[in-house]
């Protein structure tokens, strides 16, 4: 009998509701009624219990303490019940005494389980008196495995505080348990994923680098994930493939946040299956960053799916093969109407046509953050379409970093827009065609009153005149952060003026990064 079969057998026995039922379960004999009255039956049960523990001594572990202790309590109660029935005259012979050896056998098994060395418990003496103190993740999980109670808060704290090395060590322990004690393996996975933070999950999966030996391990983990899990972070799990995603879709029916970041083996097949699954109807945050095998087919399957109607955050960074077809589908499908954050960084084939589709779509009314970093095919017309659209009233963050074809005309359109009044974060880093004309238009704008962060890094044509216009403008009183790294035409005097202005705005110290002082200014309110 293997460890799994032994665990199942022990669990089955511990669920017996009477000694008769226990005898039937262990003897597998359908003809043993009222066996507490029969010496022969009690003897056979005793013999079977002894054989069960003797043959499976190596499988006894701390995990078995709860069912074993449950059996001791049940046998004690059944013994008392037998004695009471003698006193009441229901039976004449005191065969209940025959249960005592069984009780002693199970107590012996408990001692073996408590001494099981393969489950180490390195516990501080006062661990159970700690309410706000620290104990390691492994310590907390091991304590739970013994049947002791730890508050969910303490377990969450210990997992959140675990270092990457500690989580890797835990993964190694999980590997060992899968082979030696599958029942403990199941409990470890359940406890970890019920209490682990999103980042801790990624640290757990990331060491699985595609080694064949980890394939069955990952399959086993996915097959026993808590079905009601709301967040699942498989970022950097290079082993993950379409079949694993299929299993996740089938297993989990309450996911709200799902990350496949850097899972480069995922193809359109997996994403199409995800989009078509009713189990995925609660997804609000989907991260497909660096899933570079995906094409327009995968994205359009998401946009057309009625099960994706709750999607709010969609990360497609470095999905190199998607084009205007996919982005236009996002813009034009009502299923995407709740979308508020869209990351299209490094989607090289996205052109102005796709951004114009976003701008004119009523489905994009909730859009708050649009990241177009390094979408180098964009022209001024794309940005102007956003500026001119009444559908962009909720736009708060616009990232145009490395869109190096953008000129002053695009920024002037934004500055003069009556629609982007809520814009608070504008990133123009490395838009190196911009000049003081663009910066001055921002300074003079009546639409930029909520601007808090402005990045003009590596805009080498900008001079003191443009920056002085920004810091002297009454139109952007909320400016908290200004980055000018790589703006080589900015003088030391202007840098100091910016520092003083940001201090004045915040009435707090400005944080400066340890770079060459002449090269940039970087200020921030806390």
Protein backbone atom coordinates (compact mmCIF):
# COMPACT_ATOMS: atom_id res chain seq x y z
CA UNK A 1 0.00 0.00 0.00
CA UNK A 2 1.41 3.38 -1.03
CA UNK A 3 1.20 6.56 1.05
CA UNK A 4 -1.83 7.84 -0.83
CA UNK A 5 -3.78 4.60 -0.38
CA UNK A 6 -2.80 4.49 3.29
CA UNK A 7 -3.94 8.05 3.80
CA UNK A 8 -7.26 7.34 2.09
CA UNK A 9 -7.74 4.17 4.15
CA UNK A 10 -7.02 5.94 7.43
CA UNK A 11 -9.34 8.80 6.55
CA UNK A 12 -12.11 6.33 5.67
CA UNK A 13 -11.71 4.50 8.98
CA UNK A 14 -11.76 7.73 10.97
CA UNK A 15 -15.16 8.51 9.47
CA UNK A 16 -16.80 5.38 10.91
CA UNK A 17 -19.95 6.26 12.87
CA UNK A 18 -19.94 3.07 14.98
CA UNK A 19 -17.75 0.06 15.73
CA UNK A 20 -19.97 -2.01 13.45
CA UNK A 21 -19.27 0.46 10.66
CA UNK A 22 -15.55 0.45 11.48
CA UNK A 23 -15.45 -3.36 11.30
CA UNK A 24 -17.23 -3.35 7.96
CA UNK A 25 -14.76 -0.80 6.60
CA UNK A 26 -11.60 -2.57 7.74
CA UNK A 27 -12.76 -6.15 7.10
CA UNK A 28 -14.64 -5.26 3.92
CA UNK A 29 -17.21 -7.84 5.11
CA UNK A 30 -20.87 -7.16 4.47
CA UNK A 31 -21.95 -9.86 6.99
CA UNK A 32 -20.77 -8.56 10.32
CA UNK A 33 -23.85 -7.19 12.09
CA UNK A 34 -23.64 -6.27 15.79
CA UNK A 35 -19.99 -7.30 15.79
CA UNK A 36 -19.33 -5.67 19.14
CA UNK A 37 -21.02 -8.74 20.67
CA UNK A 38 -18.82 -11.25 18.85
CA UNK A 39 -15.34 -12.06 20.16
CA UNK A 40 -14.29 -13.51 16.83
CA UNK A 41 -15.13 -10.32 14.93
CA UNK A 42 -13.39 -8.10 17.49
CA UNK A 43 -10.32 -10.34 17.26
CA UNK A 44 -10.28 -10.07 13.46
CA UNK A 45 -10.61 -6.28 13.64
CA UNK A 46 -7.75 -6.14 16.13
CA UNK A 47 -5.61 -8.26 13.84
CA UNK A 48 -6.37 -6.10 10.79
CA UNK A 49 -5.58 -2.87 12.65
CA UNK A 50 -2.29 -4.31 13.86
CA UNK A 51 -1.39 -5.38 10.33
CA UNK A 52 -2.41 -2.00 8.87
CA UNK A 53 -0.08 -0.05 11.16
CA UNK A 54 2.76 -2.56 10.95
CA UNK A 55 2.77 -2.64 7.16
CA UNK A 56 2.52 1.13 6.82
CA UNK A 57 4.69 2.33 9.67
CA UNK A 58 6.90 4.28 7.25
CA UNK A 59 3.89 6.28 6.06
CA UNK A 60 2.91 7.53 9.51
CA UNK A 61 3.50 11.27 9.81
CA UNK A 62 2.31 14.31 11.71
CA UNK A 63 -0.51 14.79 9.23
CA UNK A 64 -2.18 11.63 10.54
CA UNK A 65 -2.56 12.88 14.09
CA UNK A 66 -6.11 14.28 13.69
CA UNK A 67 -7.67 11.10 12.20
CA UNK A 68 -5.73 8.86 14.61
CA UNK A 69 -6.83 10.86 17.62
CA UNK A 70 -10.36 10.83 16.29
CA UNK A 71 -10.23 7.02 16.23
CA UNK A 72 -8.99 6.85 19.83
CA UNK A 73 -11.89 9.02 20.93
CA UNK A 74 -14.37 6.93 18.97
CA UNK A 75 -13.07 3.60 20.31
CA UNK A 76 -13.19 4.97 23.84
CA UNK A 77 -16.78 6.05 23.33
CA UNK A 78 -17.72 2.70 21.80
CA UNK A 79 -16.12 0.89 24.73
CA UNK A 80 -18.11 3.00 27.18
CA UNK A 81 -21.23 2.37 25.14
CA UNK A 82 -20.67 -1.39 25.35
CA UNK A 83 -20.21 -1.26 29.13
CA UNK A 84 -23.36 0.79 29.50
CA UNK A 85 -25.34 -1.72 27.47
CA UNK A 86 -24.11 -4.47 29.83
CA UNK A 87 -25.23 -2.46 32.85
CA UNK A 88 -28.58 -1.85 31.21
CA UNK A 89 -29.00 -5.57 30.58
CA UNK A 90 -28.97 -5.25 26.81
CA UNK A 91 -26.11 -7.77 26.60
CA UNK A 92 -24.76 -10.32 29.06
CA UNK A 93 -21.11 -10.61 28.10
CA UNK A 94 -18.57 -7.82 28.53
CA UNK A 95 -17.01 -8.06 25.10
CA UNK A 96 -16.47 -4.28 25.11
CA UNK A 97 -13.24 -4.92 27.00
CA UNK A 98 -11.87 -6.38 23.78
CA UNK A 99 -11.70 -2.88 22.31
CA UNK A 100 -8.97 -1.79 24.76
CA UNK A 101 -6.10 -3.41 22.79
CA UNK A 102 -7.31 -1.57 19.71
CA UNK A 103 -7.14 1.72 21.58
CA UNK A 104 -3.59 0.96 22.69
CA UNK A 105 -2.57 0.09 19.13
CA UNK A 106 -3.84 3.38 17.80
CA UNK A 107 -2.15 5.26 20.64
CA UNK A 108 1.07 3.56 19.61
CA UNK A 109 0.55 4.74 16.05
CA UNK A 110 0.06 8.27 17.37
CA UNK A 111 3.41 8.11 19.14
CA UNK A 112 5.08 7.00 15.92
CA UNK A 113 3.42 9.82 14.03
CA UNK A 114 4.51 12.37 16.60
CA UNK A 115 8.09 11.16 16.31
CA UNK A 116 8.11 11.26 12.50
CA UNK A 117 11.38 12.98 11.70
CA UNK A 118 10.60 13.84 8.10
CA UNK A 119 8.35 16.69 9.21
CA UNK A 120 10.64 18.97 11.18
CA UNK A 121 9.13 21.47 13.60
CA UNK A 122 11.48 24.27 14.49
CA UNK A 123 9.20 26.30 16.68
CA UNK A 124 9.99 29.11 19.09
CA UNK A 125 8.73 28.15 22.57
CA UNK A 126 6.11 30.88 22.62
CA UNK A 127 4.88 30.58 19.04
CA UNK A 128 1.27 30.15 20.08
CA UNK A 129 1.38 33.26 22.26
CA UNK A 130 2.59 35.41 19.37
CA UNK A 131 -0.16 37.55 17.93
CA UNK A 132 1.88 40.26 16.27
CA UNK A 133 5.30 38.60 16.39
CA UNK A 134 7.15 36.94 13.54
CA UNK A 135 7.56 33.28 12.81
CA UNK A 136 8.70 31.91 9.50
CA UNK A 137 6.40 30.68 6.77
CA UNK A 138 7.71 27.11 7.06
CA UNK A 139 7.20 27.14 10.82
CA UNK A 140 3.60 28.30 10.51
CA UNK A 141 2.71 25.79 7.80
CA UNK A 142 4.35 22.92 9.69
CA UNK A 143 2.40 23.83 12.81
CA UNK A 144 -0.83 23.77 10.80
CA UNK A 145 0.08 20.32 9.48
CA UNK A 146 0.18 18.96 13.03
CA UNK A 147 -3.42 19.98 13.55
CA UNK A 148 -2.64 23.03 15.67
CA UNK A 149 -4.53 26.22 14.92
CA UNK A 150 -2.83 29.38 13.69
CA UNK A 151 -4.80 32.51 12.88
CA UNK A 152 -5.13 33.29 9.17
CA UNK A 153 -3.61 36.70 9.89
CA UNK A 154 -0.43 35.17 11.31
CA UNK A 155 -0.15 32.75 8.39
CA UNK A 156 -0.60 35.58 5.88
CA UNK A 157 2.00 37.69 7.69
CA UNK A 158 4.54 34.88 7.68
CA UNK A 159 4.07 34.20 3.96
CA UNK A 160 4.18 37.91 3.11
CA UNK A 161 7.43 38.30 5.05
CA UNK A 162 9.07 35.26 3.46
CA UNK A 163 12.15 35.92 1.37
CA UNK A 164 12.56 34.49 -2.11
CA UNK A 165 15.08 32.00 -0.70
CA UNK A 166 12.59 30.84 1.92
CA UNK A 167 9.88 30.36 -0.70
CA UNK A 168 12.31 28.39 -2.88
CA UNK A 169 13.10 26.23 0.14
CA UNK A 170 9.38 25.71 0.63
CA UNK A 171 9.06 24.67 -3.03
CA UNK A 172 11.81 22.10 -2.52
CA UNK A 173 9.94 20.76 0.49
CA UNK A 174 6.79 20.55 -1.63
CA UNK A 175 8.71 18.54 -4.23
CA UNK A 176 9.82 16.05 -1.57
CA UNK A 177 6.35 15.76 -0.03
CA UNK A 178 4.76 15.01 -3.36
CA UNK A 179 6.80 11.81 -3.52
CA UNK A 180 6.94 10.79 0.13
CA UNK A 181 3.68 12.07 1.66
CA UNK A 182 1.16 13.15 -1.00
CA UNK A 183 -1.46 13.89 1.66
CA UNK A 184 0.88 16.41 3.30
CA UNK A 185 1.72 17.84 -0.14
CA UNK A 186 -1.98 18.54 -0.70
CA UNK A 187 -2.29 20.35 2.61
CA UNK A 188 0.85 22.44 2.02
CA UNK A 189 -0.41 23.64 -1.37
CA UNK A 190 -3.86 24.41 -0.01
CA UNK A 191 -2.54 26.45 2.92
CA UNK A 192 0.00 28.35 0.86
CA UNK A 193 -2.36 29.44 -1.91
CA UNK A 194 -5.19 30.34 0.43
CA UNK A 195 -2.94 32.81 2.26
CA UNK A 196 -0.13 33.79 -0.13
CA UNK A 197 0.07 37.27 -1.60
CA UNK A 198 0.08 37.77 -5.36
CA UNK A 199 3.84 38.40 -5.36
CA UNK A 200 4.55 35.37 -3.16
CA UNK A 201 2.75 33.14 -5.67
CA UNK A 202 5.06 34.36 -8.43
CA UNK A 203 8.12 33.64 -6.29
CA UNK A 204 6.78 30.12 -5.78
CA UNK A 205 6.28 29.38 -9.49
CA UNK A 206 9.27 31.21 -10.95
CA UNK A 207 11.93 28.55 -10.09
CA UNK A 208 10.11 26.11 -12.39
CA UNK A 209 12.34 26.75 -15.38
CA UNK A 210 11.15 24.09 -17.76
CA UNK A 211 12.96 21.07 -16.37
CA UNK A 212 11.10 17.83 -17.28
CA UNK A 213 11.16 16.75 -13.63
CA UNK A 214 8.98 19.72 -12.71
CA UNK A 215 6.27 18.94 -15.28
CA UNK A 216 4.39 16.42 -13.09
CA UNK A 217 4.92 18.69 -10.08
CA UNK A 218 3.25 21.64 -11.78
CA UNK A 219 0.40 19.41 -12.96
CA UNK A 220 -0.14 18.17 -9.40
CA UNK A 221 -0.10 21.69 -7.96
CA UNK A 222 -2.63 22.99 -10.46
CA UNK A 223 -4.91 19.99 -9.90
CA UNK A 224 -5.28 20.78 -6.18
CA UNK A 225 -5.36 24.59 -6.22
CA UNK A 226 -8.23 25.95 -4.09
CA UNK A 227 -11.17 26.04 -6.49
CA UNK A 228 -12.35 29.38 -5.11
CA UNK A 229 -8.97 31.09 -5.55
CA UNK A 230 -9.43 34.73 -6.60
CA UNK A 231 -5.84 35.67 -7.50
CA UNK A 232 -3.32 33.51 -9.36
CA UNK A 233 0.13 34.73 -10.33
CA UNK A 234 2.13 32.41 -12.58
CA UNK A 235 4.57 35.13 -13.68
CA UNK A 236 7.97 33.83 -14.80
CA UNK A 237 6.84 30.20 -14.76
CA UNK A 238 8.65 29.21 -17.94
CA UNK A 239 7.33 25.67 -17.68
CA UNK A 240 3.71 26.76 -18.08
CA UNK A 241 2.11 25.71 -21.35
CA UNK A 242 -1.33 25.49 -22.93
CA UNK A 243 -2.27 22.23 -21.20
CA UNK A 244 -1.57 23.76 -17.79
CA UNK A 245 -3.75 26.74 -18.65
CA UNK A 246 -6.55 24.36 -19.66
CA UNK A 247 -6.31 22.68 -16.26
CA UNK A 248 -6.42 26.04 -14.49
CA UNK A 249 -9.52 27.02 -16.44
CA UNK A 250 -11.23 23.79 -15.44
CA UNK A 251 -10.10 23.91 -11.81
CA UNK A 252 -10.61 27.56 -10.81
CA UNK A 253 -13.99 29.21 -11.19
CA UNK A 254 -13.64 32.44 -9.21
CA UNK A 255 -10.46 34.08 -10.53
CA UNK A 256 -10.42 37.85 -10.60
CA UNK A 257 -6.74 38.50 -11.17
CA UNK A 258 -4.62 36.26 -13.41
CA UNK A 259 -1.04 36.79 -14.55
CA UNK A 260 0.79 34.83 -17.23
CA UNK A 261 3.59 37.40 -17.41
CA UNK A 262 6.74 35.97 -19.02
CA UNK A 263 5.05 32.62 -19.67
CA UNK A 264 6.45 32.44 -23.17
CA UNK A 265 5.12 28.97 -24.03
CA UNK A 266 1.47 30.04 -24.00
CA UNK A 267 -0.16 30.20 -27.42
CA UNK A 268 -3.45 31.38 -28.90
CA UNK A 269 -5.00 28.01 -28.04
CA UNK A 270 -4.79 28.61 -24.30
CA UNK A 271 -6.11 32.17 -24.42
CA UNK A 272 -8.99 31.23 -26.70
CA UNK A 273 -9.98 28.47 -24.26
CA UNK A 274 -9.77 30.93 -21.37
CA UNK A 275 -11.95 33.44 -23.20
CA UNK A 276 -14.60 30.81 -23.96
CA UNK A 277 -14.83 29.41 -20.43
CA UNK A 278 -17.75 30.38 -18.16
CA UNK A 279 -15.38 29.73 -15.24
CA UNK A 280 -13.44 32.86 -16.21
CA UNK A 281 -16.42 35.19 -16.01
CA UNK A 282 -15.06 37.09 -13.00
CA UNK A 283 -11.69 38.05 -14.49
CA UNK A 284 -10.96 41.74 -13.90
CA UNK A 285 -7.19 41.84 -14.33
CA UNK A 286 -5.40 39.84 -17.04
CA UNK A 287 -1.65 40.12 -17.55
CA UNK A 288 -0.27 38.65 -20.78
CA UNK A 289 2.98 40.61 -20.75
CA UNK A 290 5.76 38.92 -22.73
CA UNK A 291 3.46 36.19 -24.01
CA UNK A 292 5.01 36.93 -27.36
CA UNK A 293 3.50 33.98 -29.22
CA UNK A 294 0.05 35.51 -29.04
CA UNK A 295 -1.49 37.08 -32.12
CA UNK A 296 -4.62 39.04 -32.97
CA UNK A 297 -6.59 35.78 -32.86
CA UNK A 298 -6.08 35.42 -29.11
CA UNK A 299 -6.95 39.03 -28.33
CA UNK A 300 -10.07 39.12 -30.49
CA UNK A 301 -11.29 35.94 -28.79
CA UNK A 302 -11.12 37.82 -25.49
CA UNK A 303 -12.86 40.93 -26.78
CA UNK A 304 -15.70 38.93 -28.33
CA UNK A 305 -16.29 36.75 -25.29
CA UNK A 306 -19.29 37.53 -23.05
CA UNK A 307 -17.33 35.98 -20.17
CA UNK A 308 -14.70 38.75 -20.36
CA UNK A 309 -17.16 41.56 -19.72
CA UNK A 310 -15.68 42.33 -16.27
CA UNK A 311 -12.16 42.97 -17.59
CA UNK A 312 -10.75 46.22 -16.22
CA UNK A 313 -6.97 45.86 -16.48
CA UNK A 314 -5.38 44.38 -19.60
CA UNK A 315 -1.60 44.14 -20.00
CA UNK A 316 -0.33 43.29 -23.49
CA UNK A 317 3.19 44.63 -23.11
CA UNK A 318 5.69 42.98 -25.46
CA UNK A 319 3.01 41.04 -27.31
CA UNK A 320 4.92 41.80 -30.47
CA UNK A 321 2.62 40.14 -32.97
CA UNK A 322 -0.64 41.93 -32.21
CA UNK A 323 -1.71 44.68 -34.57
CA UNK A 324 -4.41 47.26 -35.17
CA UNK A 325 -6.89 44.41 -35.63
CA UNK A 326 -6.63 43.38 -31.98
CA UNK A 327 -6.61 46.93 -30.60
CA UNK A 328 -9.57 47.97 -32.72
CA UNK A 329 -11.44 44.91 -31.44
CA UNK A 330 -10.73 46.01 -27.86
CA UNK A 331 -12.05 49.48 -28.64
CA UNK A 332 -15.14 48.46 -30.57
CA UNK A 333 -16.51 45.56 -28.52
CA UNK A 334 -19.00 46.39 -25.72
CA UNK A 335 -17.56 43.52 -23.67
CA UNK A 336 -14.55 45.77 -23.03
CA UNK A 337 -16.57 48.73 -21.74
CA UNK A 338 -15.29 48.37 -18.15
CA UNK A 339 -11.66 48.58 -19.22
CA UNK A 340 -9.76 51.31 -17.34
CA UNK A 341 -6.11 50.29 -17.82
CA UNK A 342 -4.58 49.20 -21.13
CA UNK A 343 -0.86 48.54 -21.60
CA UNK A 344 0.31 48.33 -25.21
CA UNK A 345 4.01 48.92 -24.56
CA UNK A 346 6.29 47.63 -27.31
CA UNK A 347 3.41 46.53 -29.50
CA UNK A 348 5.34 47.60 -32.56
CA UNK A 349 2.66 46.93 -35.15
CA UNK A 350 0.09 49.18 -33.49
CA UNK A 351 -0.44 52.31 -35.58
CA UNK A 352 -2.37 55.54 -35.30
CA UNK A 353 -5.42 53.82 -36.78
CA UNK A 354 -5.82 51.66 -33.64
CA UNK A 355 -5.47 54.64 -31.28
CA UNK A 356 -8.03 56.56 -33.31
CA UNK A 357 -10.40 53.61 -32.85
CA UNK A 358 -9.90 53.87 -29.07
CA UNK A 359 -10.50 57.62 -29.17
CA UNK A 360 -13.79 57.45 -31.03
CA UNK A 361 -15.27 54.48 -29.15
CA UNK A 362 -17.98 54.96 -26.56
CA UNK A 363 -16.84 51.65 -25.06
CA UNK A 364 -13.66 53.38 -23.86
CA UNK A 365 -15.37 55.91 -21.61
CA UNK A 366 -13.87 54.30 -18.49
CA UNK A 367 -10.30 54.32 -19.80
CA UNK A 368 -8.01 55.90 -17.20
CA UNK A 369 -4.53 54.67 -18.13
CA UNK A 370 -3.11 54.14 -21.61
CA UNK A 371 0.50 53.01 -22.04
CA UNK A 372 1.87 53.40 -25.56
CA UNK A 373 5.58 53.14 -24.72
CA UNK A 374 7.70 52.44 -27.78
CA UNK A 375 4.76 52.21 -30.14
CA UNK A 376 7.03 53.95 -32.60
CA UNK A 377 4.63 53.79 -35.53
CA UNK A 378 2.32 56.34 -33.93
CA UNK A 379 2.02 59.79 -35.43
CA UNK A 380 0.73 63.11 -34.13
CA UNK A 381 -2.72 62.22 -35.46
CA UNK A 382 -3.05 59.39 -32.92
CA UNK A 383 -2.42 61.70 -29.96
CA UNK A 384 -4.56 64.45 -31.44
CA UNK A 385 -7.46 62.02 -31.77
CA UNK A 386 -7.25 61.30 -28.04
CA UNK A 387 -7.10 65.01 -27.26
CA UNK A 388 -10.13 65.79 -29.40
CA UNK A 389 -12.28 62.93 -28.08
CA UNK A 390 -15.00 63.54 -25.51
CA UNK A 391 -14.69 59.83 -24.69
CA UNK A 392 -11.35 60.48 -22.94
CA UNK A 393 -12.79 62.46 -20.02
CA UNK A 394 -11.53 59.89 -17.50
CA UNK A 395 -8.01 59.58 -18.91
CA UNK A 396 -5.56 60.15 -16.07
CA UNK A 397 -2.32 58.56 -17.23
CA UNK A 398 -0.83 58.72 -20.71
CA UNK A 399 2.56 57.16 -21.41
CA UNK A 400 4.18 58.14 -24.71
CA UNK A 401 7.75 57.22 -23.77
CA UNK A 402 9.93 56.35 -26.77
CA UNK A 403 7.26 57.42 -29.26
CA UNK A 404 10.00 59.32 -30.98
CA UNK A 405 7.98 60.39 -34.01
CA UNK A 406 5.72 62.56 -31.85
CA UNK A 407 6.21 66.29 -32.45
CA UNK A 408 5.14 69.53 -30.80
CA UNK A 409 1.79 69.36 -32.61
CA UNK A 410 0.65 66.31 -30.61
CA UNK A 411 1.47 67.91 -27.24
CA UNK A 412 -0.13 71.20 -28.23
CA UNK A 413 -3.31 69.27 -29.08
CA UNK A 414 -3.28 67.70 -25.60
CA UNK A 415 -2.61 71.03 -23.93
CA UNK A 416 -5.50 72.69 -25.74
CA UNK A 417 -7.94 69.82 -25.25
CA UNK A 418 -11.14 70.53 -23.31
CA UNK A 419 -11.52 66.79 -22.66
CA UNK A 420 -8.38 65.56 -20.87
CA UNK A 421 -9.00 67.64 -17.77
CA UNK A 422 -8.25 64.72 -15.43
CA UNK A 423 -4.81 63.97 -16.85
CA UNK A 424 -2.38 63.75 -13.90
CA UNK A 425 0.54 61.75 -15.33
CA UNK A 426 2.17 62.48 -18.69
CA UNK A 427 5.30 60.62 -19.79
CA UNK A 428 7.14 62.11 -22.77
CA UNK A 429 10.53 60.55 -22.09
CA UNK A 430 12.69 60.20 -25.19
CA UNK A 431 10.20 62.01 -27.40
CA UNK A 432 13.29 63.78 -28.64
CA UNK A 433 11.60 65.92 -31.33
CA UNK A 434 9.84 67.99 -28.68
CA UNK A 435 11.02 71.53 -28.05
CA UNK A 436 10.24 74.40 -25.70
CA UNK A 437 7.13 75.08 -27.80
CA UNK A 438 5.52 71.84 -26.57
CA UNK A 439 6.56 72.40 -22.96
CA UNK A 440 5.33 75.99 -22.98
CA UNK A 441 1.98 74.87 -24.35
CA UNK A 442 1.63 72.59 -21.30
CA UNK A 443 2.59 75.46 -19.00
CA UNK A 444 -0.02 77.75 -20.57
CA UNK A 445 -2.75 75.12 -20.68
CA UNK A 446 -6.00 75.48 -18.78
CA UNK A 447 -6.54 71.72 -19.18
CA UNK A 448 -3.50 70.62 -17.15
CA UNK A 449 -4.63 71.79 -13.71
CA UNK A 450 -4.50 68.22 -12.36
CA UNK A 451 -1.07 67.35 -13.75
CA UNK A 452 1.07 65.85 -10.97
CA UNK A 453 3.82 63.97 -12.82
CA UNK A 454 5.65 65.05 -15.95
CA UNK A 455 8.54 63.14 -17.50
CA UNK A 456 10.64 65.03 -20.05
CA UNK A 457 13.72 62.82 -19.77
CA UNK A 458 16.06 62.70 -22.80
CA UNK A 459 14.12 65.47 -24.55
CA UNK A 460 17.39 67.06 -25.59
CA UNK A 461 15.91 70.03 -27.44
CA UNK A 462 14.26 71.44 -24.34
CA UNK A 463 16.05 74.40 -22.76
CA UNK A 464 15.83 76.55 -19.65
CA UNK A 465 13.04 78.60 -21.22
CA UNK A 466 10.64 75.68 -21.41
CA UNK A 467 11.37 74.44 -17.88
CA UNK A 468 11.11 77.91 -16.35
CA UNK A 469 7.74 78.27 -18.07
CA UNK A 470 6.58 75.07 -16.34
CA UNK A 471 7.66 76.02 -12.82
CA UNK A 472 6.38 79.59 -13.09
CA UNK A 473 2.97 78.63 -14.45
CA UNK A 474 -0.08 79.05 -12.18
CA UNK A 475 -1.92 76.53 -14.36
CA UNK A 476 -0.23 73.38 -13.00
CA UNK A 477 -0.25 73.93 -9.22
CA UNK A 478 -0.38 70.20 -8.37
CA UNK A 479 2.92 69.24 -10.00
CA UNK A 480 4.67 66.79 -7.67
CA UNK A 481 7.26 65.16 -9.84
CA UNK A 482 9.36 66.36 -12.72
CA UNK A 483 12.02 64.31 -14.46
CA UNK A 484 14.60 65.94 -16.67
CA UNK A 485 17.20 63.20 -16.77
CA UNK A 486 19.26 63.49 -19.93
CA UNK A 487 18.07 67.02 -20.76
CA UNK A 488 21.57 68.31 -21.36
CA UNK A 489 20.58 71.89 -22.20
CA UNK A 490 19.19 72.60 -18.73
CA UNK A 491 21.45 74.80 -16.63
CA UNK A 492 22.39 74.34 -12.99
CA UNK A 493 20.51 77.50 -12.08
CA UNK A 494 17.30 76.17 -13.64
CA UNK A 495 17.76 72.84 -11.87
CA UNK A 496 17.96 74.66 -8.55
CA UNK A 497 14.90 76.71 -9.41
CA UNK A 498 12.95 73.51 -10.12
CA UNK A 499 14.06 72.00 -6.82
CA UNK A 500 12.96 75.10 -4.94
CA UNK A 501 9.60 75.19 -6.71
CA UNK A 502 8.83 71.55 -6.00
CA UNK A 503 9.75 72.06 -2.36
CA UNK A 504 7.44 75.04 -2.27
CA UNK A 505 4.59 73.07 -3.84
CA UNK A 506 4.96 70.15 -1.49
CA UNK A 507 6.26 71.84 1.64
CA UNK A 508 8.36 68.72 1.97
CA UNK A 509 11.81 67.63 0.91
CA UNK A 510 12.38 66.81 -2.72
CA UNK A 511 13.89 63.39 -3.38
CA UNK A 512 16.90 63.48 -5.68
CA UNK A 513 18.34 60.38 -7.28
CA UNK A 514 22.12 59.91 -7.02
CA UNK A 515 22.86 60.94 -10.59
CA UNK A 516 24.96 63.76 -12.02
CA UNK A 517 23.31 66.87 -10.65
CA UNK A 518 23.62 68.77 -13.92
CA UNK A 519 21.93 66.06 -15.92
CA UNK A 520 18.46 66.12 -14.46
CA UNK A 521 16.07 67.05 -11.70
CA UNK A 522 13.79 64.52 -10.10
CA UNK A 523 11.36 65.75 -7.51
CA UNK A 524 8.49 64.07 -5.77
CA UNK A 525 5.90 64.73 -3.12
CA UNK A 526 5.22 61.99 -0.63
